[in-house]
Amino acid sequence: MSGGLTIAQRAALREALAPFADRIEQVLLYGSRARGDHRPGSDVDLLILGNLDAAALLAVAAAIEASDLSVHADVTLPPPPDSPLASVVAREAVPLFDRADLIG
């Protein structure tokens, strides 16, 4: 398991995100799976960096929901710098994919 995700979970996410690769620069994992203190049913917290608006983010979330991930995923865009989520992401986030990973 790498970054709190199994190989199958990483593959499911990559497959779900690949159609959006032209709009995604990087995908960061944060939360319990990034910290390494997740439990079997813990959700997957993803921060998507790139050129996505709210509608595109909803499409990404729907693609992940329809995937074989097997757990719920919370997908967000970068929060305002002074928000509590921004400090959590700054502390915990680890790179999961970049555009090249999603294309190749």
Foldseek 3Di string as FASTA:
>chain_A
DPLLADPQLLVQLLVLCLVVLVFFFFKKWFDCSLVVNDDPQDETEIETDGRDDPVRQVSSLVSSVPTPNVHHYDYYYADPCPDPVNVRCVPGIDTSDGSVSSND
